[in-house]
C-alpha atoms as a PDB file:
ATOM      1  CA  MET A   1      75.804  63.867  73.707  1.00  0.00           C
ATOM      2  CA  LEU A   2      76.026  62.039  76.940  1.00  0.00           C
ATOM      3  CA  GLU A   3      79.631  61.810  76.580  1.00  0.00           C
ATOM      4  CA  GLU A   4      79.983  65.721  75.709  1.00  0.00           C
ATOM      5  CA  ARG A   5      77.799  66.617  78.575  1.00  0.00           C
ATOM      6  CA  LEU A   6      80.116  64.787  81.005  1.00  0.00           C
ATOM      7  CA  GLU A   7      83.188  66.153  79.360  1.00  0.00           C
ATOM      8  CA  ASN A   8      81.391  69.743  79.875  1.00  0.00           C
ATOM      9  CA  ILE A   9      81.130  68.740  83.557  1.00  0.00           C
ATOM     10  CA  GLU A  10      84.139  67.660  84.192  1.00  0.00           C
ATOM     11  CA  THR A  11      85.901  70.697  82.619  1.00  0.00           C
ATOM     12  CA  LYS A  12      83.732  72.532  84.782  1.00  0.00           C
ATOM     13  CA  ILE A  13      84.392  70.879  87.921  1.00  0.00           C
ATOM     14  CA  THR A  14      88.510  71.288  87.042  1.00  0.00           C
ATOM     15  CA  PHE A  15      87.900  74.920  86.634  1.00  0.00           C
ATOM     16  CA  GLN A  16      85.890  75.290  89.860  1.00  0.00           C
ATOM     17  CA  GLU A  17      88.619  73.480  91.920  1.00  0.00           C
ATOM     18  CA  ASP A  18      91.637  75.500  90.721  1.00  0.00           C
ATOM     19  CA  LEU A  19      89.358  78.520  91.405  1.00  0.00           C
ATOM     20  CA  ILE A  20      88.724  77.452  94.811  1.00  0.00           C
ATOM     21  CA  GLU A  21      92.597  76.559  95.256  1.00  0.00           C
ATOM     22  CA  GLU A  22      93.434  80.141  94.358  1.00  0.00           C
ATOM     23  CA  LEU A  23      90.757  81.855  96.357  1.00  0.00           C
ATOM     24  CA  ASN A  24      92.339  79.656  99.223  1.00  0.00           C
ATOM     25  CA  LYS A  25      95.506  80.757  98.523  1.00  0.00           C
ATOM     26  CA  THR A  26      94.284  84.184  98.530  1.00  0.00           C
ATOM     27  CA  VAL A  27      92.209  84.413 101.595  1.00  0.00           C
ATOM     28  CA  TYR A  28      95.718  82.669 103.661  1.00  0.00           C
ATOM     29  CA  GLN A  29      97.375  85.415 102.330  1.00  0.00           C
ATOM     30  CA  GLN A  30      95.109  88.160 103.371  1.00  0.00           C
ATOM     31  CA  GLN A  31      94.733  86.366 107.034  1.00  0.00           C
ATOM     32  CA  ARG A  32      98.775  86.595 107.165  1.00  0.00           C
ATOM     33  CA  LYS A  33      98.979  90.192 106.262  1.00  0.00           C
ATOM     34  CA  LEU A  34      95.836  90.678 108.597  1.00  0.00           C
ATOM     35  CA  GLU A  35      97.651  89.181 111.259  1.00  0.00           C
ATOM     36  CA  ARG A  36     100.986  91.315 110.708  1.00  0.00           C
ATOM     37  CA  LEU A  37      98.742  94.366 110.704  1.00  0.00           C
ATOM     38  CA  GLU A  38      97.123  93.688 114.395  1.00  0.00           C
ATOM     39  CA  ALA A  39     100.603  93.296 115.610  1.00  0.00           C
ATOM     40  CA  ILE A  40     101.755  96.555 114.216  1.00  0.00           C
ATOM     41  CA  CYS A  41      98.583  98.121 115.751  1.00  0.00           C
ATOM     42  CA  ALA A  42      99.135  96.384 119.105  1.00  0.00           C
ATOM     43  CA  SER A  43     102.800  97.639 119.120  1.00  0.00           C
ATOM     44  CA  LEU A  44     101.748 101.495 117.948  1.00  0.00           C
ATOM     45  CA  VAL A  45      99.198 101.358 120.658  1.00  0.00           C
ATOM     46  CA  ARG A  46     101.981 100.017 123.143  1.00  0.00           C
ATOM     47  CA  HIS A  47     104.122 102.782 121.932  1.00  0.00           C
ATOM     48  CA  ILE A  48     101.891 105.580 122.191  1.00  0.00           C
ATOM     49  CA  GLU A  49     100.847 104.581 125.864  1.00  0.00           C
ATOM     50  CA  SER A  50     104.373 103.956 127.162  1.00  0.00           C
ATOM     51  CA  MET A  51     105.004 108.072 125.414  1.00  0.00           C
ATOM     52  CA  GLU A  52     101.739 109.369 127.294  1.00  0.00           C
ATOM     53  CA  GLN A  53     103.043 107.819 130.849  1.00  0.00           C
ATOM     54  CA  ALA A  54     106.813 109.039 130.095  1.00  0.00           C
ATOM     55  CA  LYS A  55     105.121 112.555 129.656  1.00  0.00           C
ATOM     56  CA  ASN A  56     102.557 112.012 132.666  1.00  0.00           C
ATOM     57  CA  GLU A  57     105.592 111.055 134.815  1.00  0.00           C
ATOM     58  CA  GLY A  58     107.847 114.309 133.878  1.00  0.00           C
ATOM     59  CA  MET A  59     104.734 116.756 134.503  1.00  0.00           C
ATOM     60  CA  SER A  60     102.562 117.197 137.289  1.00  0.00           C
ATOM     61  CA  ALA A  61      98.669 117.269 136.690  1.00  0.00           C
ATOM     62  CA  ASN A  62      98.485 121.122 136.835  1.00  0.00           C
ATOM     63  CA  GLU A  63     101.869 122.147 135.508  1.00  0.00           C
ATOM     64  CA  ARG A  64     101.801 123.555 132.367  1.00  0.00           C
ATOM     65  CA  PRO A  65     104.066 122.448 129.422  1.00  0.00           C
ATOM     66  CA  PRO A  66     107.144 124.801 128.826  1.00  0.00           C
ATOM     67  CA  HIS A  67     105.588 126.459 125.595  1.00  0.00           C
ATOM     68  CA  TYR A  68     103.130 128.290 127.566  1.00  0.00           C
END
């Protein structure tokens, strides 16, 4: 009886260790993906800001765009 309980506990611990390892891998992959997405967002913000700056440099504040 005691031997069986010990074996069940060891089996559960082994299962939990495997599960924790898989969860760690998943969290690591998600962190890498999040970092890539943050870099892409920062790049897009810089691109939009540079486009706005170029647009503002080419036209005075009160000037209407050519399509008006």
